[in-house]
Amino acid sequence: MTYEEYLDEVTTQIYEKYDVTEADAVKFVVRAQAAEFFSLHDDKPEMRTLERAELDAKTIYEQRNKSNPKAFRK
């Protein structure tokens, strides 16, 4: 999938699995993207899988209230 499709999938996963509004899910993903959480995903298309989207959604959701953008990096 494309990078944009991947971000959409992560957003959808957050929205559907964690009972947040769609607007909040988008906000979480945009914040993670600004913190360069998805840098490798942009460079390595093989990272853009449904399984990885599920894991990234969980990580982003768990880190959503952290003020340090580095919290998104693993």
PDB file of N, CA and C in Angstrom:
ATOM      1  N   MET A   1       0.840  -1.173   0.000  1.00  0.00           N
ATOM      2  CA  MET A   1       0.000   0.000   0.000  1.00  0.00           C
ATOM      3  C   MET A   1       0.884   1.234   0.000  1.00  0.00           C
ATOM      4  N   THR A   2       0.318   2.325  -0.440  1.00  0.00           N
ATOM      5  CA  THR A   2       1.089   3.565  -0.474  1.00  0.00           C
ATOM      6  C   THR A   2       1.263   4.090   0.950  1.00  0.00           C
ATOM      7  N   TYR A   3       2.144   5.053   1.088  1.00  0.00           N
ATOM      8  CA  TYR A   3       2.385   5.677   2.387  1.00  0.00           C
ATOM      9  C   TYR A   3       1.089   6.304   2.913  1.00  0.00           C
ATOM     10  N   GLU A   4       0.370   7.001   2.052  1.00  0.00           N
ATOM     11  CA  GLU A   4      -0.881   7.650   2.456  1.00  0.00           C
ATOM     12  C   GLU A   4      -1.933   6.620   2.862  1.00  0.00           C
ATOM     13  N   GLU A   5      -2.017   5.535   2.117  1.00  0.00           N
ATOM     14  CA  GLU A   5      -2.957   4.467   2.468  1.00  0.00           C
ATOM     15  C   GLU A   5      -2.594   3.860   3.823  1.00  0.00           C
ATOM     16  N   TYR A   6      -1.304   3.738   4.069  1.00  0.00           N
ATOM     17  CA  TYR A   6      -0.854   3.195   5.346  1.00  0.00           C
ATOM     18  C   TYR A   6      -1.275   4.095   6.505  1.00  0.00           C
ATOM     19  N   LEU A   7      -1.066   5.387   6.352  1.00  0.00           N
ATOM     20  CA  LEU A   7      -1.481   6.325   7.398  1.00  0.00           C
ATOM     21  C   LEU A   7      -2.992   6.258   7.613  1.00  0.00           C
ATOM     22  N   ASP A   8      -3.743   6.125   6.541  1.00  0.00           N
ATOM     23  CA  ASP A   8      -5.196   5.969   6.652  1.00  0.00           C
ATOM     24  C   ASP A   8      -5.553   4.701   7.411  1.00  0.00           C
ATOM     25  N   GLU A   9      -4.834   3.632   7.149  1.00  0.00           N
ATOM     26  CA  GLU A   9      -5.100   2.362   7.825  1.00  0.00           C
ATOM     27  C   GLU A   9      -4.802   2.463   9.316  1.00  0.00           C
ATOM     28  N   VAL A  10      -3.701   3.085   9.668  1.00  0.00           N
ATOM     29  CA  VAL A  10      -3.364   3.269  11.087  1.00  0.00           C
ATOM     30  C   VAL A  10      -4.446   4.111  11.761  1.00  0.00           C
ATOM     31  N   THR A  11      -4.878   5.160  11.105  1.00  0.00           N
ATOM     32  CA  THR A  11      -5.933   6.024  11.645  1.00  0.00           C
ATOM     33  C   THR A  11      -7.217   5.226  11.854  1.00  0.00           C
ATOM     34  N   THR A  12      -7.580   4.424  10.877  1.00  0.00           N
ATOM     35  CA  THR A  12      -8.788   3.598  10.975  1.00  0.00           C
ATOM     36  C   THR A  12      -8.678   2.607  12.120  1.00  0.00           C
ATOM     37  N   GLN A  13      -7.522   1.999  12.261  1.00  0.00           N
ATOM     38  CA  GLN A  13      -7.309   1.040  13.348  1.00  0.00           C
ATOM     39  C   GLN A  13      -7.506   1.711  14.712  1.00  0.00           C
ATOM     40  N   ILE A  14      -6.955   2.901  14.871  1.00  0.00           N
ATOM     41  CA  ILE A  14      -7.104   3.622  16.139  1.00  0.00           C
ATOM     42  C   ILE A  14      -8.578   3.935  16.384  1.00  0.00           C
ATOM     43  N   TYR A  15      -9.240   4.439  15.375  1.00  0.00           N
ATOM     44  CA  TYR A  15     -10.652   4.808  15.484  1.00  0.00           C
ATOM     45  C   TYR A  15     -11.527   3.607  15.852  1.00  0.00           C
ATOM     46  N   GLU A  16     -11.305   2.496  15.189  1.00  0.00           N
ATOM     47  CA  GLU A  16     -12.157   1.324  15.381  1.00  0.00           C
ATOM     48  C   GLU A  16     -11.841   0.549  16.657  1.00  0.00           C
ATOM     49  N   LYS A  17     -10.597   0.475  17.044  1.00  0.00           N
ATOM     50  CA  LYS A  17     -10.209  -0.384  18.171  1.00  0.00           C
ATOM     51  C   LYS A  17     -10.186   0.320  19.520  1.00  0.00           C
ATOM     52  N   TYR A  18     -10.035   1.632  19.525  1.00  0.00           N
ATOM     53  CA  TYR A  18      -9.816   2.318  20.791  1.00  0.00           C
ATOM     54  C   TYR A  18     -10.920   3.313  21.151  1.00  0.00           C
ATOM     55  N   ASP A  19     -12.027   3.237  20.478  1.00  0.00           N
ATOM     56  CA  ASP A  19     -13.205   4.026  20.832  1.00  0.00           C
ATOM     57  C   ASP A  19     -12.885   5.510  21.015  1.00  0.00           C
ATOM     58  N   VAL A  20     -12.227   6.069  20.019  1.00  0.00           N
ATOM     59  CA  VAL A  20     -11.978   7.504  19.998  1.00  0.00           C
ATOM     60  C   VAL A  20     -12.683   8.075  18.768  1.00  0.00           C
ATOM     61  N   THR A  21     -12.850   9.376  18.744  1.00  0.00           N
ATOM     62  CA  THR A  21     -13.473   9.982  17.571  1.00  0.00           C
ATOM     63  C   THR A  21     -12.524   9.873  16.380  1.00  0.00           C
ATOM     64  N   GLU A  22     -13.100   9.981  15.206  1.00  0.00           N
ATOM     65  CA  GLU A  22     -12.277   9.946  14.011  1.00  0.00           C
ATOM     66  C   GLU A  22     -11.314  11.137  13.995  1.00  0.00           C
ATOM     67  N   ALA A  23     -11.795  12.281  14.434  1.00  0.00           N
ATOM     68  CA  ALA A  23     -10.944  13.481  14.484  1.00  0.00           C
ATOM     69  C   ALA A  23      -9.755  13.280  15.426  1.00  0.00           C
ATOM     70  N   ASP A  24      -9.995  12.638  16.561  1.00  0.00           N
ATOM     71  CA  ASP A  24      -8.895  12.371  17.488  1.00  0.00           C
ATOM     72  C   ASP A  24      -7.910  11.373  16.904  1.00  0.00           C
ATOM     73  N   ALA A  25      -8.412  10.356  16.233  1.00  0.00           N
ATOM     74  CA  ALA A  25      -7.523   9.370  15.608  1.00  0.00           C
ATOM     75  C   ALA A  25      -6.621  10.054  14.586  1.00  0.00           C
ATOM     76  N   VAL A  26      -7.198  10.946  13.795  1.00  0.00           N
ATOM     77  CA  VAL A  26      -6.403  11.693  12.812  1.00  0.00           C
ATOM     78  C   VAL A  26      -5.357  12.536  13.538  1.00  0.00           C
ATOM     79  N   LYS A  27      -5.753  13.192  14.605  1.00  0.00           N
ATOM     80  CA  LYS A  27      -4.842  14.038  15.375  1.00  0.00           C
ATOM     81  C   LYS A  27      -3.663  13.223  15.907  1.00  0.00           C
ATOM     82  N   PHE A  28      -3.934  12.035  16.421  1.00  0.00           N
ATOM     83  CA  PHE A  28      -2.865  11.187  16.954  1.00  0.00           C
ATOM     84  C   PHE A  28      -1.869  10.804  15.858  1.00  0.00           C
ATOM     85  N   VAL A  29      -2.386  10.447  14.691  1.00  0.00           N
ATOM     86  CA  VAL A  29      -1.515  10.029  13.587  1.00  0.00           C
ATOM     87  C   VAL A  29      -0.712  11.219  13.057  1.00  0.00           C
ATOM     88  N   VAL A  30      -1.342  12.366  12.939  1.00  0.00           N
ATOM     89  CA  VAL A  30      -0.628  13.563  12.472  1.00  0.00           C
ATOM     90  C   VAL A  30       0.485  13.929  13.452  1.00  0.00           C
ATOM     91  N   ARG A  31       0.187  13.838  14.728  1.00  0.00           N
ATOM     92  CA  ARG A  31       1.187  14.136  15.757  1.00  0.00           C
ATOM     93  C   ARG A  31       2.360  13.144  15.658  1.00  0.00           C
ATOM     94  N   ALA A  32       2.053  11.877  15.474  1.00  0.00           N
ATOM     95  CA  ALA A  32       3.107  10.861  15.334  1.00  0.00           C
ATOM     96  C   ALA A  32       3.926  11.106  14.073  1.00  0.00           C
ATOM     97  N   GLN A  33       3.252  11.486  13.013  1.00  0.00           N
ATOM     98  CA  GLN A  33       3.958  11.771  11.757  1.00  0.00           C
ATOM     99  C   GLN A  33       4.892  12.970  11.937  1.00  0.00           C
ATOM    100  N   ALA A  34       4.446  13.989  12.625  1.00  0.00           N
ATOM    101  CA  ALA A  34       5.281  15.169  12.876  1.00  0.00           C
ATOM    102  C   ALA A  34       6.500  14.813  13.715  1.00  0.00           C
ATOM    103  N   ALA A  35       6.356  13.792  14.565  1.00  0.00           N
ATOM    104  CA  ALA A  35       7.468  13.333  15.402  1.00  0.00           C
ATOM    105  C   ALA A  35       8.359  12.329  14.663  1.00  0.00           C
ATOM    106  N   GLU A  36       8.094  12.158  13.361  1.00  0.00           N
ATOM    107  CA  GLU A  36       8.877  11.276  12.487  1.00  0.00           C
ATOM    108  C   GLU A  36       8.736   9.801  12.825  1.00  0.00           C
ATOM    109  N   PHE A  37       7.625   9.431  13.453  1.00  0.00           N
ATOM    110  CA  PHE A  37       7.372   8.034  13.768  1.00  0.00           C
ATOM    111  C   PHE A  37       7.318   7.170  12.503  1.00  0.00           C
ATOM    112  N   PHE A  38       6.841   7.750  11.403  1.00  0.00           N
ATOM    113  CA  PHE A  38       6.638   6.990  10.170  1.00  0.00           C
ATOM    114  C   PHE A  38       7.763   7.156   9.143  1.00  0.00           C
ATOM    115  N   SER A  39       8.886   7.716   9.541  1.00  0.00           N
ATOM    116  CA  SER A  39       9.968   7.972   8.582  1.00  0.00           C
ATOM    117  C   SER A  39      10.411   6.718   7.843  1.00  0.00           C
ATOM    118  N   LEU A  40      10.625   5.649   8.569  1.00  0.00           N
ATOM    119  CA  LEU A  40      11.060   4.406   7.917  1.00  0.00           C
ATOM    120  C   LEU A  40       9.972   3.822   7.018  1.00  0.00           C
ATOM    121  N   HIS A  41       8.728   4.005   7.396  1.00  0.00           N
ATOM    122  CA  HIS A  41       7.623   3.503   6.583  1.00  0.00           C
ATOM    123  C   HIS A  41       7.618   4.168   5.204  1.00  0.00           C
ATOM    124  N   ASP A  42       8.008   5.442   5.188  1.00  0.00           N
ATOM    125  CA  ASP A  42       8.054   6.183   3.930  1.00  0.00           C
ATOM    126  C   ASP A  42       9.150   5.628   3.032  1.00  0.00           C
ATOM    127  N   ASP A  43      10.268   5.254   3.632  1.00  0.00           N
ATOM    128  CA  ASP A  43      11.419   4.759   2.875  1.00  0.00           C
ATOM    129  C   ASP A  43      11.336   3.273   2.542  1.00  0.00           C
ATOM    130  N   LYS A  44      10.629   2.514   3.362  1.00  0.00           N
ATOM    131  CA  LYS A  44      10.593   1.056   3.198  1.00  0.00           C
ATOM    132  C   LYS A  44       9.154   0.568   3.033  1.00  0.00           C
ATOM    133  N   PRO A  45       8.707   0.430   1.813  1.00  0.00           N
ATOM    134  CA  PRO A  45       7.328   0.008   1.558  1.00  0.00           C
ATOM    135  C   PRO A  45       6.961  -1.335   2.197  1.00  0.00           C
ATOM    136  N   GLU A  46       7.944  -2.187   2.410  1.00  0.00           N
ATOM    137  CA  GLU A  46       7.666  -3.495   3.014  1.00  0.00           C
ATOM    138  C   GLU A  46       7.171  -3.379   4.456  1.00  0.00           C
ATOM    139  N   MET A  47       7.340  -2.213   5.053  1.00  0.00           N
ATOM    140  CA  MET A  47       6.855  -1.992   6.421  1.00  0.00           C
ATOM    141  C   MET A  47       5.364  -1.666   6.453  1.00  0.00           C
ATOM    142  N   ARG A  48       4.790  -1.373   5.315  1.00  0.00           N
ATOM    143  CA  ARG A  48       3.398  -0.935   5.247  1.00  0.00           C
ATOM    144  C   ARG A  48       2.462  -2.128   5.068  1.00  0.00           C
ATOM    145  N   THR A  49       2.294  -2.882   6.140  1.00  0.00           N
ATOM    146  CA  THR A  49       1.409  -4.044   6.118  1.00  0.00           C
ATOM    147  C   THR A  49       0.258  -3.832   7.101  1.00  0.00           C
ATOM    148  N   LEU A  50      -0.787  -4.615   6.946  1.00  0.00           N
ATOM    149  CA  LEU A  50      -1.914  -4.526   7.873  1.00  0.00           C
ATOM    150  C   LEU A  50      -1.491  -4.895   9.290  1.00  0.00           C
ATOM    151  N   GLU A  51      -0.624  -5.897   9.405  1.00  0.00           N
ATOM    152  CA  GLU A  51      -0.149  -6.316  10.721  1.00  0.00           C
ATOM    153  C   GLU A  51       0.640  -5.198  11.395  1.00  0.00           C
ATOM    154  N   ARG A  52       1.489  -4.547  10.614  1.00  0.00           N
ATOM    155  CA  ARG A  52       2.294  -3.447  11.156  1.00  0.00           C
ATOM    156  C   ARG A  52       1.400  -2.256  11.512  1.00  0.00           C
ATOM    157  N   ALA A  53       0.373  -2.014  10.717  1.00  0.00           N
ATOM    158  CA  ALA A  53      -0.556  -0.919  11.004  1.00  0.00           C
ATOM    159  C   ALA A  53      -1.238  -1.135  12.345  1.00  0.00           C
ATOM    160  N   GLU A  54      -1.583  -2.378  12.630  1.00  0.00           N
ATOM    161  CA  GLU A  54      -2.213  -2.697  13.909  1.00  0.00           C
ATOM    162  C   GLU A  54      -1.249  -2.418  15.075  1.00  0.00           C
ATOM    163  N   LEU A  55      -0.007  -2.821  14.932  1.00  0.00           N
ATOM    164  CA  LEU A  55       1.001  -2.576  15.969  1.00  0.00           C
ATOM    165  C   LEU A  55       1.282  -1.084  16.142  1.00  0.00           C
ATOM    166  N   ASP A  56       1.395  -0.376  15.023  1.00  0.00           N
ATOM    167  CA  ASP A  56       1.653   1.058  15.099  1.00  0.00           C
ATOM    168  C   ASP A  56       0.469   1.797  15.711  1.00  0.00           C
ATOM    169  N   ALA A  57      -0.734   1.387  15.394  1.00  0.00           N
ATOM    170  CA  ALA A  57      -1.930   2.006  15.974  1.00  0.00           C
ATOM    171  C   ALA A  57      -1.906   1.854  17.492  1.00  0.00           C
ATOM    172  N   LYS A  58      -1.542   0.670  17.957  1.00  0.00           N
ATOM    173  CA  LYS A  58      -1.484   0.419  19.394  1.00  0.00           C
ATOM    174  C   LYS A  58      -0.424   1.311  20.050  1.00  0.00           C
ATOM    175  N   THR A  59       0.745   1.385  19.448  1.00  0.00           N
ATOM    176  CA  THR A  59       1.823   2.216  19.983  1.00  0.00           C
ATOM    177  C   THR A  59       1.409   3.681  20.035  1.00  0.00           C
ATOM    178  N   ILE A  60       0.844   4.162  18.961  1.00  0.00           N
ATOM    179  CA  ILE A  60       0.438   5.568  18.899  1.00  0.00           C
ATOM    180  C   ILE A  60      -0.653   5.849  19.918  1.00  0.00           C
ATOM    181  N   TYR A  61      -1.616   4.954  20.026  1.00  0.00           N
ATOM    182  CA  TYR A  61      -2.685   5.163  20.998  1.00  0.00           C
ATOM    183  C   TYR A  61      -2.123   5.196  22.421  1.00  0.00           C
ATOM    184  N   GLU A  62      -1.232   4.286  22.717  1.00  0.00           N
ATOM    185  CA  GLU A  62      -0.654   4.229  24.067  1.00  0.00           C
ATOM    186  C   GLU A  62       0.202   5.459  24.378  1.00  0.00           C
ATOM    187  N   GLN A  63       0.775   6.065  23.362  1.00  0.00           N
ATOM    188  CA  GLN A  63       1.650   7.221  23.554  1.00  0.00           C
ATOM    189  C   GLN A  63       0.927   8.548  23.343  1.00  0.00           C
ATOM    190  N   ARG A  64      -0.356   8.525  23.103  1.00  0.00           N
ATOM    191  CA  ARG A  64      -1.111   9.708  22.672  1.00  0.00           C
ATOM    192  C   ARG A  64      -1.039  10.890  23.624  1.00  0.00           C
ATOM    193  N   ASN A  65      -0.894  10.662  24.893  1.00  0.00           N
ATOM    194  CA  ASN A  65      -0.897  11.765  25.850  1.00  0.00           C
ATOM    195  C   ASN A  65       0.493  12.159  26.324  1.00  0.00           C
ATOM    196  N   LYS A  66       1.495  11.575  25.753  1.00  0.00           N
ATOM    197  CA  LYS A  66       2.869  11.924  26.121  1.00  0.00           C
ATOM    198  C   LYS A  66       3.238  13.235  25.444  1.00  0.00           C
ATOM    199  N   SER A  67       3.841  14.118  26.163  1.00  0.00           N
ATOM    200  CA  SER A  67       4.199  15.409  25.580  1.00  0.00           C
ATOM    201  C   SER A  67       5.494  15.353  24.791  1.00  0.00           C
ATOM    202  N   ASN A  68       6.305  14.341  25.002  1.00  0.00           N
ATOM    203  CA  ASN A  68       7.585  14.221  24.324  1.00  0.00           C
ATOM    204  C   ASN A  68       7.408  13.488  22.995  1.00  0.00           C
ATOM    205  N   PRO A  69       7.611  14.154  21.854  1.00  0.00           N
ATOM    206  CA  PRO A  69       7.449  13.484  20.562  1.00  0.00           C
ATOM    207  C   PRO A  69       8.353  12.267  20.401  1.00  0.00           C
ATOM    208  N   LYS A  70       9.458  12.213  21.124  1.00  0.00           N
ATOM    209  CA  LYS A  70      10.351  11.061  21.020  1.00  0.00           C
ATOM    210  C   LYS A  70       9.683   9.804  21.568  1.00  0.00           C
ATOM    211  N   ALA A  71       8.618   9.977  22.326  1.00  0.00           N
ATOM    212  CA  ALA A  71       7.899   8.834  22.871  1.00  0.00           C
ATOM    213  C   ALA A  71       7.313   7.981  21.755  1.00  0.00           C
ATOM    214  N   PHE A  72       7.117   8.564  20.574  1.00  0.00           N
ATOM    215  CA  PHE A  72       6.563   7.821  19.449  1.00  0.00           C
ATOM    216  C   PHE A  72       7.598   6.924  18.790  1.00  0.00           C
ATOM    217  N   ARG A  73       8.848   7.172  19.049  1.00  0.00           N
ATOM    218  CA  ARG A  73       9.902   6.400  18.399  1.00  0.00           C
ATOM    219  C   ARG A  73      10.225   5.165  19.204  1.00  0.00           C
ATOM    220  N   LYS A  74      10.506   4.092  18.516  1.00  0.00           N
ATOM    221  CA  LYS A  74      10.901   2.851  19.176  1.00  0.00           C
ATOM    222  C   LYS A  74      12.130   2.303  18.522  1.00  0.00           C
TER     223      LYS A  74
END
